[in-house]
Amino acid sequence: MSESLQHPSAANERPAGPTLTFRRAQITDVDAIVALVESAYRGEASRAGWTTEADLLDGQRTDPEEVRALVSSEATRIVLAERAGELVGSVMLVRSEHAVHLGMFAVRPTQQTQGTGRALLAEAERIVHGERLGERVEMTVIVQRTELIAWYERRGYRVTGERQPFPYGQPRFGLPRRADLEFCVLEKRIARQ
């Protein structure tokens, strides 16, 4: 993956300002990734964006130990999006036998609705396709996040009907504010050349 690969903003979203650049995360990025992910998913800072888990979960979304392990893993790649040298997005790709799992997708709340998420998702799919990592990308999204699920569906992902339980009783994954949380599985086929 090129350290300075550029991706244009989507035509039907507002211009993204200075060009986004993408690169693979390094150990030195761990603290910045944790701060970004926490700001996008939890707490008051996340409310500056169009989608948040703040009404569903309190507590942490990730921590430095988890992110450090992910960055160090051979099976995982975290791709960072930067604009003018500032970290504005991240996405994790985990290759498995059956699919590439996409997770920890985060865009700085103040950068949401500017094409950043769309460009970052397209870059993740380009990597999966270009490096022949798999034919299918899958992800899990909390069922109650209907607006986020709809956003992924507009980008070609489909709800598979499969559900996975939320890890209640494990504060490392957050403190649920309701008792009916679960994940739905989404997937997208990535064309092979």
N, C-alpha and C. Protein backbone atom coordinates (compact mmCIF):
# COMPACT_ATOMS: atom_id res chain seq x y z
N MET A 1 0.84 -1.17 0.00
CA MET A 1 0.00 0.00 0.00
C MET A 1 0.89 1.23 0.00
N SER A 2 0.57 2.16 -0.83
CA SER A 2 1.35 3.39 -0.93
C SER A 2 1.12 4.27 0.28
N GLU A 3 2.18 4.85 0.78
CA GLU A 3 2.07 5.73 1.93
C GLU A 3 1.32 7.02 1.58
N SER A 4 1.27 7.39 0.32
CA SER A 4 0.64 8.66 -0.04
C SER A 4 -0.49 8.48 -1.05
N LEU A 5 -1.10 7.32 -1.09
CA LEU A 5 -2.19 7.06 -2.00
C LEU A 5 -3.31 8.05 -1.72
N GLN A 6 -3.81 8.71 -2.75
CA GLN A 6 -4.86 9.70 -2.58
C GLN A 6 -6.15 9.17 -3.15
N HIS A 7 -7.25 9.62 -2.59
CA HIS A 7 -8.56 9.18 -3.03
C HIS A 7 -9.45 10.40 -3.14
N PRO A 8 -10.13 10.62 -4.26
CA PRO A 8 -11.00 11.77 -4.39
C PRO A 8 -12.24 11.63 -3.53
N SER A 9 -12.84 12.74 -3.13
CA SER A 9 -14.08 12.69 -2.37
C SER A 9 -15.22 12.28 -3.29
N ALA A 10 -16.28 11.75 -2.71
CA ALA A 10 -17.43 11.29 -3.49
C ALA A 10 -18.18 12.48 -4.08
N ALA A 11 -18.69 12.33 -5.29
CA ALA A 11 -19.34 13.42 -6.00
C ALA A 11 -20.63 13.89 -5.32
N ASN A 12 -21.37 13.00 -4.67
CA ASN A 12 -22.64 13.41 -4.10
C ASN A 12 -22.54 13.79 -2.62
N GLU A 13 -21.37 13.97 -2.11
CA GLU A 13 -21.19 14.47 -0.76
C GLU A 13 -20.42 15.79 -0.85
N ARG A 14 -20.46 16.55 0.22
CA ARG A 14 -19.75 17.83 0.21
C ARG A 14 -18.27 17.60 0.00
N PRO A 15 -17.59 18.56 -0.63
CA PRO A 15 -16.14 18.41 -0.83
C PRO A 15 -15.44 18.17 0.50
N ALA A 16 -14.45 17.31 0.46
CA ALA A 16 -13.77 16.91 1.68
C ALA A 16 -12.62 17.84 2.05
N GLY A 17 -12.47 18.94 1.37
CA GLY A 17 -11.38 19.85 1.69
C GLY A 17 -10.07 19.30 1.18
N PRO A 18 -8.98 19.55 1.92
CA PRO A 18 -7.69 19.03 1.48
C PRO A 18 -7.76 17.52 1.26
N THR A 19 -6.97 17.06 0.35
CA THR A 19 -6.98 15.66 -0.05
C THR A 19 -6.67 14.72 1.11
N LEU A 20 -7.40 13.61 1.14
CA LEU A 20 -7.12 12.56 2.12
C LEU A 20 -5.93 11.75 1.65
N THR A 21 -5.14 11.32 2.60
CA THR A 21 -4.09 10.35 2.32
C THR A 21 -4.31 9.17 3.24
N PHE A 22 -3.87 8.01 2.79
CA PHE A 22 -4.05 6.78 3.55
C PHE A 22 -2.70 6.14 3.80
N ARG A 23 -2.58 5.51 4.99
CA ARG A 23 -1.36 4.78 5.30
C ARG A 23 -1.68 3.72 6.34
N ARG A 24 -0.77 2.76 6.45
CA ARG A 24 -0.91 1.70 7.44
C ARG A 24 -0.50 2.22 8.81
N ALA A 25 -1.24 1.86 9.83
CA ALA A 25 -0.93 2.29 11.19
C ALA A 25 0.36 1.65 11.69
N GLN A 26 1.07 2.38 12.51
CA GLN A 26 2.30 1.92 13.16
C GLN A 26 2.09 1.97 14.68
N ILE A 27 2.98 1.36 15.42
CA ILE A 27 2.90 1.37 16.88
C ILE A 27 2.84 2.79 17.43
N THR A 28 3.54 3.70 16.81
CA THR A 28 3.55 5.09 17.29
C THR A 28 2.19 5.78 17.13
N ASP A 29 1.26 5.16 16.40
CA ASP A 29 -0.08 5.73 16.19
C ASP A 29 -1.10 5.27 17.22
N VAL A 30 -0.72 4.35 18.11
CA VAL A 30 -1.70 3.72 19.00
C VAL A 30 -2.52 4.73 19.79
N ASP A 31 -1.90 5.66 20.47
CA ASP A 31 -2.65 6.61 21.30
C ASP A 31 -3.60 7.46 20.46
N ALA A 32 -3.15 7.88 19.29
CA ALA A 32 -4.00 8.70 18.42
C ALA A 32 -5.20 7.89 17.90
N ILE A 33 -4.99 6.62 17.61
CA ILE A 33 -6.09 5.76 17.15
C ILE A 33 -7.12 5.58 18.27
N VAL A 34 -6.65 5.31 19.47
CA VAL A 34 -7.57 5.15 20.61
C VAL A 34 -8.39 6.42 20.80
N ALA A 35 -7.75 7.57 20.78
CA ALA A 35 -8.47 8.84 20.95
C ALA A 35 -9.50 9.05 19.85
N LEU A 36 -9.13 8.74 18.61
CA LEU A 36 -10.06 8.89 17.49
C LEU A 36 -11.27 7.97 17.66
N VAL A 37 -11.02 6.70 17.92
CA VAL A 37 -12.11 5.72 18.04
C VAL A 37 -13.03 6.09 19.19
N GLU A 38 -12.47 6.45 20.33
CA GLU A 38 -13.30 6.84 21.47
C GLU A 38 -14.16 8.05 21.12
N SER A 39 -13.59 9.04 20.42
CA SER A 39 -14.35 10.25 20.09
C SER A 39 -15.46 9.96 19.09
N ALA A 40 -15.29 8.97 18.25
CA ALA A 40 -16.29 8.65 17.23
C ALA A 40 -17.42 7.78 17.77
N TYR A 41 -17.15 6.98 18.79
CA TYR A 41 -18.14 6.02 19.27
C TYR A 41 -18.83 6.41 20.57
N ARG A 42 -18.12 7.03 21.49
CA ARG A 42 -18.65 7.19 22.85
C ARG A 42 -18.56 8.63 23.34
N GLY A 43 -19.39 8.92 24.32
CA GLY A 43 -19.33 10.19 25.02
C GLY A 43 -19.87 11.37 24.23
N GLU A 44 -19.80 12.51 24.86
CA GLU A 44 -20.34 13.74 24.27
C GLU A 44 -19.64 14.13 22.97
N ALA A 45 -18.34 13.89 22.87
CA ALA A 45 -17.62 14.25 21.64
C ALA A 45 -18.23 13.56 20.43
N SER A 46 -18.73 12.33 20.60
CA SER A 46 -19.28 11.59 19.46
C SER A 46 -20.58 12.22 18.95
N ARG A 47 -21.24 12.99 19.75
CA ARG A 47 -22.50 13.61 19.35
C ARG A 47 -22.32 14.73 18.32
N ALA A 48 -21.08 15.14 18.08
CA ALA A 48 -20.81 16.16 17.05
C ALA A 48 -20.97 15.59 15.65
N GLY A 49 -20.98 14.26 15.53
CA GLY A 49 -21.16 13.60 14.23
C GLY A 49 -22.61 13.21 14.02
N TRP A 50 -22.87 12.55 12.90
CA TRP A 50 -24.25 12.17 12.57
C TRP A 50 -24.66 10.83 13.15
N THR A 51 -23.70 10.05 13.64
CA THR A 51 -24.03 8.75 14.23
C THR A 51 -23.13 8.50 15.43
N THR A 52 -23.69 7.87 16.46
CA THR A 52 -22.95 7.62 17.69
C THR A 52 -23.53 6.42 18.43
N GLU A 53 -22.75 5.83 19.30
CA GLU A 53 -23.23 4.79 20.19
C GLU A 53 -23.51 5.34 21.59
N ALA A 54 -23.39 6.65 21.77
CA ALA A 54 -23.48 7.25 23.10
C ALA A 54 -24.81 7.00 23.79
N ASP A 55 -25.89 6.81 23.05
CA ASP A 55 -27.18 6.52 23.67
C ASP A 55 -27.34 5.04 24.01
N LEU A 56 -26.44 4.20 23.48
CA LEU A 56 -26.54 2.76 23.69
C LEU A 56 -25.52 2.24 24.70
N LEU A 57 -24.34 2.87 24.73
CA LEU A 57 -23.24 2.36 25.54
C LEU A 57 -22.47 3.48 26.21
N ASP A 58 -22.04 3.23 27.41
CA ASP A 58 -21.08 4.10 28.10
C ASP A 58 -19.76 3.33 28.16
N GLY A 59 -18.78 3.91 28.82
CA GLY A 59 -17.50 3.22 28.97
C GLY A 59 -16.65 3.31 27.72
N GLN A 60 -15.68 2.46 27.63
CA GLN A 60 -14.71 2.53 26.54
C GLN A 60 -15.15 1.73 25.33
N ARG A 61 -14.61 2.09 24.18
CA ARG A 61 -14.78 1.32 22.95
C ARG A 61 -13.54 0.46 22.68
N THR A 62 -12.38 1.01 23.04
CA THR A 62 -11.12 0.29 22.88
C THR A 62 -10.13 0.84 23.90
N ASP A 63 -8.93 0.30 23.88
CA ASP A 63 -7.89 0.79 24.79
C ASP A 63 -6.53 0.59 24.12
N PRO A 64 -5.48 1.21 24.65
CA PRO A 64 -4.16 1.10 24.02
C PRO A 64 -3.67 -0.34 23.88
N GLU A 65 -3.96 -1.19 24.84
CA GLU A 65 -3.49 -2.58 24.77
C GLU A 65 -4.10 -3.30 23.57
N GLU A 66 -5.41 -3.13 23.39
CA GLU A 66 -6.08 -3.78 22.25
C GLU A 66 -5.53 -3.27 20.93
N VAL A 67 -5.43 -1.96 20.80
CA VAL A 67 -4.97 -1.37 19.53
C VAL A 67 -3.51 -1.75 19.27
N ARG A 68 -2.68 -1.75 20.28
CA ARG A 68 -1.28 -2.15 20.12
C ARG A 68 -1.20 -3.59 19.60
N ALA A 69 -2.02 -4.48 20.16
CA ALA A 69 -2.03 -5.88 19.71
C ALA A 69 -2.50 -5.98 18.27
N LEU A 70 -3.50 -5.20 17.90
CA LEU A 70 -4.01 -5.23 16.53
C LEU A 70 -2.97 -4.72 15.53
N VAL A 71 -2.32 -3.61 15.87
CA VAL A 71 -1.30 -3.04 14.98
C VAL A 71 -0.14 -4.02 14.81
N SER A 72 0.17 -4.78 15.86
CA SER A 72 1.30 -5.72 15.81
C SER A 72 0.97 -7.04 15.14
N SER A 73 -0.29 -7.34 14.97
CA SER A 73 -0.70 -8.63 14.45
C SER A 73 -0.47 -8.75 12.94
N GLU A 74 0.02 -9.90 12.51
CA GLU A 74 0.21 -10.17 11.08
C GLU A 74 -1.11 -10.29 10.34
N ALA A 75 -2.17 -10.72 11.04
CA ALA A 75 -3.46 -10.96 10.40
C ALA A 75 -4.31 -9.70 10.30
N THR A 76 -3.86 -8.62 10.90
CA THR A 76 -4.66 -7.39 10.99
C THR A 76 -3.93 -6.22 10.36
N ARG A 77 -4.70 -5.36 9.74
CA ARG A 77 -4.16 -4.09 9.23
C ARG A 77 -5.11 -2.99 9.64
N ILE A 78 -4.58 -1.94 10.22
CA ILE A 78 -5.36 -0.75 10.49
C ILE A 78 -4.91 0.31 9.50
N VAL A 79 -5.87 0.81 8.74
CA VAL A 79 -5.61 1.83 7.74
C VAL A 79 -6.05 3.17 8.31
N LEU A 80 -5.18 4.16 8.21
CA LEU A 80 -5.47 5.50 8.72
C LEU A 80 -5.72 6.46 7.57
N ALA A 81 -6.66 7.36 7.77
CA ALA A 81 -6.94 8.44 6.83
C ALA A 81 -6.48 9.74 7.49
N GLU A 82 -5.70 10.51 6.74
CA GLU A 82 -5.22 11.79 7.26
C GLU A 82 -5.56 12.90 6.28
N ARG A 83 -5.81 14.06 6.83
CA ARG A 83 -6.05 15.26 6.02
C ARG A 83 -5.17 16.35 6.59
N ALA A 84 -4.29 16.88 5.75
CA ALA A 84 -3.36 17.93 6.18
C ALA A 84 -2.57 17.50 7.42
N GLY A 85 -2.18 16.21 7.46
CA GLY A 85 -1.38 15.70 8.55
C GLY A 85 -2.14 15.34 9.81
N GLU A 86 -3.46 15.53 9.81
CA GLU A 86 -4.28 15.23 10.99
C GLU A 86 -5.02 13.92 10.78
N LEU A 87 -5.00 13.05 11.80
CA LEU A 87 -5.73 11.79 11.73
C LEU A 87 -7.23 12.07 11.78
N VAL A 88 -7.95 11.63 10.75
CA VAL A 88 -9.39 11.87 10.68
C VAL A 88 -10.21 10.59 10.56
N GLY A 89 -9.55 9.45 10.33
CA GLY A 89 -10.31 8.21 10.20
C GLY A 89 -9.43 6.99 10.35
N SER A 90 -10.08 5.87 10.70
CA SER A 90 -9.36 4.60 10.79
C SER A 90 -10.32 3.48 10.45
N VAL A 91 -9.76 2.39 9.95
CA VAL A 91 -10.53 1.18 9.70
C VAL A 91 -9.60 -0.01 9.87
N MET A 92 -10.13 -1.08 10.45
CA MET A 92 -9.35 -2.28 10.69
C MET A 92 -9.81 -3.37 9.73
N LEU A 93 -8.86 -4.07 9.14
CA LEU A 93 -9.14 -5.22 8.27
C LEU A 93 -8.47 -6.44 8.89
N VAL A 94 -9.27 -7.49 9.11
CA VAL A 94 -8.75 -8.73 9.68
C VAL A 94 -9.08 -9.86 8.70
N ARG A 95 -8.06 -10.46 8.19
CA ARG A 95 -8.24 -11.54 7.22
C ARG A 95 -8.49 -12.85 7.95
N SER A 96 -9.51 -13.57 7.49
CA SER A 96 -9.79 -14.89 8.05
C SER A 96 -9.94 -15.87 6.88
N GLU A 97 -10.25 -17.09 7.20
CA GLU A 97 -10.37 -18.12 6.18
C GLU A 97 -11.54 -17.85 5.22
N HIS A 98 -12.61 -17.24 5.74
CA HIS A 98 -13.84 -17.09 4.96
C HIS A 98 -14.10 -15.68 4.44
N ALA A 99 -13.52 -14.67 5.08
CA ALA A 99 -13.83 -13.29 4.70
C ALA A 99 -12.79 -12.36 5.31
N VAL A 100 -12.88 -11.11 4.94
CA VAL A 100 -12.10 -10.06 5.58
C VAL A 100 -13.08 -9.30 6.47
N HIS A 101 -12.79 -9.28 7.77
CA HIS A 101 -13.66 -8.58 8.70
C HIS A 101 -13.23 -7.12 8.76
N LEU A 102 -14.20 -6.23 8.60
CA LEU A 102 -13.96 -4.79 8.69
C LEU A 102 -14.49 -4.33 10.03
N GLY A 103 -13.66 -3.64 10.79
CA GLY A 103 -14.09 -3.17 12.10
C GLY A 103 -13.38 -1.89 12.50
N MET A 104 -13.72 -1.42 13.69
CA MET A 104 -13.12 -0.21 14.25
C MET A 104 -13.13 0.93 13.24
N PHE A 105 -14.21 0.99 12.47
CA PHE A 105 -14.37 2.04 11.46
C PHE A 105 -14.75 3.32 12.19
N ALA A 106 -13.90 4.31 12.12
CA ALA A 106 -14.12 5.54 12.87
C ALA A 106 -13.73 6.74 12.03
N VAL A 107 -14.57 7.77 12.09
CA VAL A 107 -14.28 9.05 11.46
C VAL A 107 -14.47 10.13 12.52
N ARG A 108 -13.50 11.02 12.61
CA ARG A 108 -13.60 12.12 13.57
C ARG A 108 -14.98 12.78 13.41
N PRO A 109 -15.73 12.94 14.50
CA PRO A 109 -17.10 13.45 14.39
C PRO A 109 -17.23 14.75 13.60
N THR A 110 -16.28 15.65 13.73
CA THR A 110 -16.36 16.91 13.00
C THR A 110 -16.04 16.75 11.51
N GLN A 111 -15.57 15.58 11.11
CA GLN A 111 -15.26 15.30 9.70
C GLN A 111 -16.35 14.46 9.04
N GLN A 112 -17.32 14.02 9.82
CA GLN A 112 -18.40 13.22 9.25
C GLN A 112 -19.27 14.10 8.34
N THR A 113 -19.89 13.52 7.37
CA THR A 113 -20.71 14.16 6.33
C THR A 113 -19.87 14.93 5.31
N GLN A 114 -18.56 14.73 5.31
CA GLN A 114 -17.69 15.44 4.37
C GLN A 114 -17.03 14.49 3.37
N GLY A 115 -17.50 13.24 3.30
CA GLY A 115 -16.94 12.29 2.36
C GLY A 115 -15.80 11.46 2.91
N THR A 116 -15.39 11.72 4.13
CA THR A 116 -14.26 11.01 4.72
C THR A 116 -14.56 9.53 4.89
N GLY A 117 -15.70 9.20 5.47
CA GLY A 117 -16.07 7.81 5.69
C GLY A 117 -16.21 7.04 4.39
N ARG A 118 -16.86 7.65 3.42
CA ARG A 118 -17.04 7.00 2.13
C ARG A 118 -15.68 6.71 1.48
N ALA A 119 -14.77 7.68 1.52
CA ALA A 119 -13.45 7.50 0.92
C ALA A 119 -12.64 6.44 1.67
N LEU A 120 -12.74 6.42 2.99
CA LEU A 120 -12.01 5.43 3.79
C LEU A 120 -12.54 4.03 3.54
N LEU A 121 -13.86 3.88 3.44
CA LEU A 121 -14.44 2.58 3.14
C LEU A 121 -14.01 2.10 1.75
N ALA A 122 -14.00 3.01 0.79
CA ALA A 122 -13.55 2.66 -0.57
C ALA A 122 -12.09 2.24 -0.57
N GLU A 123 -11.27 2.90 0.23
CA GLU A 123 -9.85 2.52 0.32
C GLU A 123 -9.71 1.12 0.93
N ALA A 124 -10.48 0.82 1.97
CA ALA A 124 -10.43 -0.52 2.56
C ALA A 124 -10.82 -1.58 1.54
N GLU A 125 -11.87 -1.32 0.77
CA GLU A 125 -12.29 -2.27 -0.26
C GLU A 125 -11.26 -2.39 -1.37
N ARG A 126 -10.60 -1.28 -1.70
CA ARG A 126 -9.54 -1.31 -2.73
C ARG A 126 -8.40 -2.21 -2.27
N ILE A 127 -8.04 -2.12 -1.01
CA ILE A 127 -6.97 -2.96 -0.46
C ILE A 127 -7.37 -4.43 -0.53
N VAL A 128 -8.59 -4.74 -0.08
CA VAL A 128 -9.06 -6.13 -0.10
C VAL A 128 -9.02 -6.67 -1.52
N HIS A 129 -9.51 -5.89 -2.47
CA HIS A 129 -9.54 -6.33 -3.86
C HIS A 129 -8.15 -6.37 -4.47
N GLY A 130 -7.42 -5.28 -4.34
CA GLY A 130 -6.11 -5.15 -4.98
C GLY A 130 -5.08 -6.13 -4.47
N GLU A 131 -5.15 -6.45 -3.20
CA GLU A 131 -4.19 -7.39 -2.62
C GLU A 131 -4.77 -8.80 -2.51
N ARG A 132 -5.93 -9.00 -3.09
CA ARG A 132 -6.59 -10.31 -3.13
C ARG A 132 -6.67 -10.95 -1.74
N LEU A 133 -7.14 -10.16 -0.80
CA LEU A 133 -7.24 -10.64 0.57
C LEU A 133 -8.48 -11.52 0.78
N GLY A 134 -9.45 -11.39 -0.08
CA GLY A 134 -10.68 -12.17 0.05
C GLY A 134 -11.71 -11.69 -0.94
N GLU A 135 -12.78 -12.46 -1.05
CA GLU A 135 -13.86 -12.12 -1.97
C GLU A 135 -15.04 -11.50 -1.26
N ARG A 136 -14.99 -11.47 0.06
CA ARG A 136 -16.12 -10.97 0.83
C ARG A 136 -15.62 -10.16 2.00
N VAL A 137 -16.25 -9.01 2.22
CA VAL A 137 -15.98 -8.18 3.40
C VAL A 137 -17.20 -8.31 4.29
N GLU A 138 -16.98 -8.55 5.58
CA GLU A 138 -18.10 -8.62 6.51
C GLU A 138 -17.82 -7.71 7.70
N MET A 139 -18.89 -7.35 8.39
CA MET A 139 -18.78 -6.51 9.57
C MET A 139 -19.97 -6.77 10.47
N THR A 140 -19.87 -6.34 11.71
CA THR A 140 -21.00 -6.40 12.62
C THR A 140 -21.31 -4.98 13.06
N VAL A 141 -22.61 -4.70 13.17
CA VAL A 141 -23.09 -3.39 13.61
C VAL A 141 -24.20 -3.64 14.63
N ILE A 142 -24.23 -2.87 15.69
CA ILE A 142 -25.30 -3.00 16.67
C ILE A 142 -26.63 -2.78 15.97
N VAL A 143 -27.55 -3.70 16.16
CA VAL A 143 -28.84 -3.70 15.47
C VAL A 143 -29.57 -2.37 15.61
N GLN A 144 -29.48 -1.74 16.77
CA GLN A 144 -30.21 -0.49 17.02
C GLN A 144 -29.64 0.70 16.24
N ARG A 145 -28.49 0.55 15.61
CA ARG A 145 -27.89 1.66 14.86
C ARG A 145 -28.41 1.64 13.41
N THR A 146 -29.69 1.83 13.27
CA THR A 146 -30.35 1.69 11.97
C THR A 146 -29.83 2.68 10.93
N GLU A 147 -29.50 3.90 11.35
CA GLU A 147 -29.00 4.89 10.40
C GLU A 147 -27.64 4.49 9.85
N LEU A 148 -26.81 3.86 10.68
CA LEU A 148 -25.50 3.41 10.23
C LEU A 148 -25.64 2.19 9.31
N ILE A 149 -26.52 1.28 9.66
CA ILE A 149 -26.77 0.13 8.80
C ILE A 149 -27.25 0.60 7.43
N ALA A 150 -28.15 1.57 7.40
CA ALA A 150 -28.65 2.11 6.12
C ALA A 150 -27.50 2.74 5.32
N TRP A 151 -26.57 3.41 5.99
CA TRP A 151 -25.42 4.02 5.30
C TRP A 151 -24.59 2.94 4.61
N TYR A 152 -24.32 1.83 5.33
CA TYR A 152 -23.57 0.72 4.72
C TYR A 152 -24.35 0.08 3.57
N GLU A 153 -25.65 -0.04 3.73
CA GLU A 153 -26.46 -0.62 2.65
C GLU A 153 -26.38 0.22 1.38
N ARG A 154 -26.34 1.53 1.54
CA ARG A 154 -26.21 2.41 0.36
C ARG A 154 -24.85 2.24 -0.32
N ARG A 155 -23.91 1.64 0.37
CA ARG A 155 -22.58 1.38 -0.19
C ARG A 155 -22.40 -0.07 -0.61
N GLY A 156 -23.51 -0.79 -0.75
CA GLY A 156 -23.46 -2.13 -1.30
C GLY A 156 -23.41 -3.26 -0.31
N TYR A 157 -23.44 -2.98 0.98
CA TYR A 157 -23.45 -4.03 1.99
C TYR A 157 -24.89 -4.51 2.19
N ARG A 158 -25.03 -5.78 2.52
CA ARG A 158 -26.37 -6.31 2.77
C ARG A 158 -26.40 -6.97 4.14
N VAL A 159 -27.55 -6.84 4.79
CA VAL A 159 -27.76 -7.49 6.07
C VAL A 159 -27.99 -8.97 5.79
N THR A 160 -27.19 -9.83 6.41
CA THR A 160 -27.26 -11.26 6.11
C THR A 160 -28.39 -11.98 6.85
N GLY A 161 -28.90 -11.39 7.91
CA GLY A 161 -29.89 -12.06 8.75
C GLY A 161 -29.25 -12.74 9.95
N GLU A 162 -27.94 -12.90 9.92
CA GLU A 162 -27.22 -13.50 11.05
C GLU A 162 -27.11 -12.47 12.17
N ARG A 163 -27.27 -12.93 13.39
CA ARG A 163 -27.13 -12.08 14.58
C ARG A 163 -26.05 -12.65 15.48
N GLN A 164 -25.38 -11.77 16.21
CA GLN A 164 -24.38 -12.18 17.19
C GLN A 164 -24.66 -11.46 18.50
N PRO A 165 -24.45 -12.14 19.62
CA PRO A 165 -24.76 -11.53 20.92
C PRO A 165 -23.78 -10.41 21.28
N PHE A 166 -24.29 -9.42 22.00
CA PHE A 166 -23.41 -8.39 22.55
C PHE A 166 -22.71 -8.98 23.76
N PRO A 167 -21.42 -8.66 23.99
CA PRO A 167 -20.68 -9.25 25.12
C PRO A 167 -21.02 -8.58 26.45
N TYR A 168 -22.25 -8.79 26.92
CA TYR A 168 -22.65 -8.26 28.22
C TYR A 168 -21.73 -8.80 29.30
N GLY A 169 -21.49 -8.01 30.32
CA GLY A 169 -20.67 -8.44 31.44
C GLY A 169 -19.17 -8.31 31.18
N GLN A 170 -18.80 -7.72 30.04
CA GLN A 170 -17.39 -7.51 29.72
C GLN A 170 -17.16 -6.01 29.52
N PRO A 171 -16.90 -5.27 30.59
CA PRO A 171 -16.78 -3.82 30.53
C PRO A 171 -15.75 -3.33 29.52
N ARG A 172 -14.83 -4.19 29.14
CA ARG A 172 -13.81 -3.80 28.16
C ARG A 172 -14.45 -3.39 26.83
N PHE A 173 -15.67 -3.91 26.56
CA PHE A 173 -16.36 -3.61 25.31
C PHE A 173 -17.43 -2.55 25.47
N GLY A 174 -17.53 -1.95 26.65
CA GLY A 174 -18.51 -0.92 26.90
C GLY A 174 -19.51 -1.33 27.95
N LEU A 175 -20.22 -0.34 28.46
CA LEU A 175 -21.23 -0.54 29.50
C LEU A 175 -22.60 -0.28 28.88
N PRO A 176 -23.35 -1.34 28.60
CA PRO A 176 -24.64 -1.19 27.91
C PRO A 176 -25.62 -0.34 28.72
N ARG A 177 -26.37 0.48 28.00
CA ARG A 177 -27.41 1.30 28.61
C ARG A 177 -28.79 0.67 28.43
N ARG A 178 -28.83 -0.48 27.73
CA ARG A 178 -30.09 -1.20 27.54
C ARG A 178 -29.79 -2.69 27.44
N ALA A 179 -30.81 -3.50 27.63
CA ALA A 179 -30.61 -4.95 27.74
C ALA A 179 -30.84 -5.72 26.45
N ASP A 180 -31.14 -5.04 25.35
CA ASP A 180 -31.49 -5.75 24.12
C ASP A 180 -30.48 -5.56 22.99
N LEU A 181 -29.24 -5.23 23.31
CA LEU A 181 -28.23 -5.02 22.28
C LEU A 181 -27.78 -6.34 21.67
N GLU A 182 -27.62 -6.34 20.37
CA GLU A 182 -27.02 -7.46 19.65
C GLU A 182 -26.48 -6.90 18.33
N PHE A 183 -25.68 -7.70 17.67
CA PHE A 183 -25.07 -7.29 16.41
C PHE A 183 -25.76 -7.96 15.24
N CYS A 184 -25.90 -7.24 14.15
CA CYS A 184 -26.28 -7.87 12.90
C CYS A 184 -25.02 -7.94 12.04
N VAL A 185 -24.97 -8.92 11.17
CA VAL A 185 -23.84 -9.12 10.29
C VAL A 185 -24.18 -8.55 8.91
N LEU A 186 -23.28 -7.75 8.38
CA LEU A 186 -23.42 -7.22 7.02
C LEU A 186 -22.28 -7.77 6.19
N GLU A 187 -22.50 -7.90 4.89
CA GLU A 187 -21.44 -8.36 4.01
C GLU A 187 -21.55 -7.72 2.64
N LYS A 188 -20.41 -7.74 1.94
CA LYS A 188 -20.35 -7.25 0.57
C LYS A 188 -19.37 -8.12 -0.18
N ARG A 189 -19.78 -8.56 -1.36
CA ARG A 189 -18.88 -9.32 -2.22
C ARG A 189 -17.95 -8.35 -2.92
N ILE A 190 -16.69 -8.68 -2.95
CA ILE A 190 -15.68 -7.86 -3.62
C ILE A 190 -15.27 -8.61 -4.89
N ALA A 191 -15.49 -7.99 -6.02
CA ALA A 191 -15.21 -8.65 -7.30
C ALA A 191 -13.74 -8.98 -7.43
N ARG A 192 -13.46 -10.15 -7.97
CA ARG A 192 -12.08 -10.56 -8.28
C ARG A 192 -11.76 -10.18 -9.71
N GLN A 193 -10.48 -9.89 -9.96
CA GLN A 193 -10.05 -9.57 -11.33
C GLN A 193 -9.82 -10.84 -12.09
